[in-house]
């Protein structure tokens, strides 16, 4: 098994994980910042005020980008299975 090929696939997996997390994390960050700004302007310190909109926004982000996320995962899995014999043979 060639170590550079294995490391290449590991890096590809980490990049894919970062790409898949990005829509959800950015959505939570933007909504959390907006709610935090609203709370600081109005001095309302209610915990559910920050949690419920953030959870709803993340759910919408999952609904919007879920198909793309699954198709990226399936494509990467197909790539792994295609390259598996080469990785095992050392080529």
Protein backbone atom coordinates (compact mmCIF):
# COMPACT_ATOMS: atom_id res chain seq x y z
CA UNK A 1 0.00 0.00 0.00
CA UNK A 2 1.52 3.30 -1.10
CA UNK A 3 1.56 5.82 1.74
CA UNK A 4 1.22 8.82 -0.55
CA UNK A 5 -1.95 7.39 -2.10
CA UNK A 6 -3.42 6.71 1.32
CA UNK A 7 -2.51 10.19 2.52
CA UNK A 8 -4.02 11.65 -0.65
CA UNK A 9 -7.30 9.88 0.02
CA UNK A 10 -7.23 10.95 3.67
CA UNK A 11 -6.71 14.58 2.68
CA UNK A 12 -9.52 14.27 0.14
CA UNK A 13 -11.78 12.91 2.89
CA UNK A 14 -10.92 15.78 5.21
CA UNK A 15 -11.54 18.35 2.48
CA UNK A 16 -14.88 16.72 1.73
CA UNK A 17 -15.81 16.81 5.43
CA UNK A 18 -14.97 20.51 5.55
CA UNK A 19 -17.04 21.18 2.41
CA UNK A 20 -20.01 19.30 3.84
CA UNK A 21 -19.88 21.10 7.19
CA UNK A 22 -19.56 24.55 5.66
CA UNK A 23 -23.24 25.31 4.82
CA UNK A 24 -24.46 24.27 8.25
CA UNK A 25 -21.71 26.03 10.17
CA UNK A 26 -22.01 29.27 8.20
CA UNK A 27 -25.78 29.26 8.66
CA UNK A 28 -25.45 28.72 12.42
CA UNK A 29 -22.76 31.41 12.61
CA UNK A 30 -24.77 34.04 10.73
CA UNK A 31 -28.01 33.35 12.60
CA UNK A 32 -26.20 33.21 15.94
CA UNK A 33 -24.50 36.53 15.24
CA UNK A 34 -27.79 38.12 14.23
CA UNK A 35 -29.58 36.86 17.33
CA UNK A 36 -26.67 37.93 19.54
CA UNK A 37 -26.74 41.40 18.01
CA UNK A 38 -30.50 41.58 18.56
CA UNK A 39 -30.11 40.44 22.17
CA UNK A 40 -27.42 43.00 22.88
CA UNK A 41 -29.49 45.82 21.37
CA UNK A 42 -32.66 44.91 23.25
CA UNK A 43 -30.99 43.51 26.39
CA UNK A 44 -33.19 40.41 26.23
CA UNK A 45 -31.18 37.50 27.64
CA UNK A 46 -33.41 34.53 26.92
CA UNK A 47 -31.64 31.26 26.09
CA UNK A 48 -34.40 29.91 23.85
CA UNK A 49 -34.29 33.10 21.79
CA UNK A 50 -30.86 32.10 20.55
CA UNK A 51 -31.43 28.35 20.31
CA UNK A 52 -34.76 28.03 18.49
CA UNK A 53 -34.00 30.28 15.48
CA UNK A 54 -30.55 28.74 15.11
CA UNK A 55 -31.99 25.22 15.16
CA UNK A 56 -34.65 26.19 12.62
CA UNK A 57 -32.07 27.83 10.34
CA UNK A 58 -29.82 24.78 10.49
CA UNK A 59 -32.80 22.56 9.64
CA UNK A 60 -33.57 24.75 6.62
CA UNK A 61 -29.90 24.65 5.58
CA UNK A 62 -29.99 20.86 5.79
CA UNK A 63 -33.14 20.76 3.68
CA UNK A 64 -31.64 23.06 1.07
CA UNK A 65 -28.18 21.53 0.86
CA UNK A 66 -28.95 17.95 1.88
CA UNK A 67 -29.22 16.59 -1.66
CA UNK A 68 -25.88 18.12 -2.62
CA UNK A 69 -24.27 16.75 0.54
CA UNK A 70 -25.49 13.21 -0.09
CA UNK A 71 -24.45 13.31 -3.75
CA UNK A 72 -20.94 14.48 -2.75
CA UNK A 73 -20.69 11.65 -0.21
CA UNK A 74 -21.86 9.07 -2.75
CA UNK A 75 -19.39 10.33 -5.36
CA UNK A 76 -16.52 10.16 -2.87
CA UNK A 77 -17.55 6.67 -1.76
CA UNK A 78 -17.62 5.52 -5.40
CA UNK A 79 -14.14 7.02 -5.86
CA UNK A 80 -12.89 5.13 -2.81
CA UNK A 81 -14.28 1.83 -4.04
CA UNK A 82 -12.82 2.41 -7.51
CA UNK A 83 -9.37 3.13 -6.08
CA UNK A 84 -9.46 0.35 -3.48
CA UNK A 85 -7.84 -2.34 -5.68
CA UNK A 86 -5.04 0.04 -6.68
CA UNK A 87 -4.44 0.96 -3.06
CA UNK A 88 -4.32 -2.67 -1.98
CA UNK A 89 -2.00 -3.69 -4.84
CA UNK A 90 0.38 -0.87 -4.06
CA UNK A 91 -0.05 0.95 -7.36
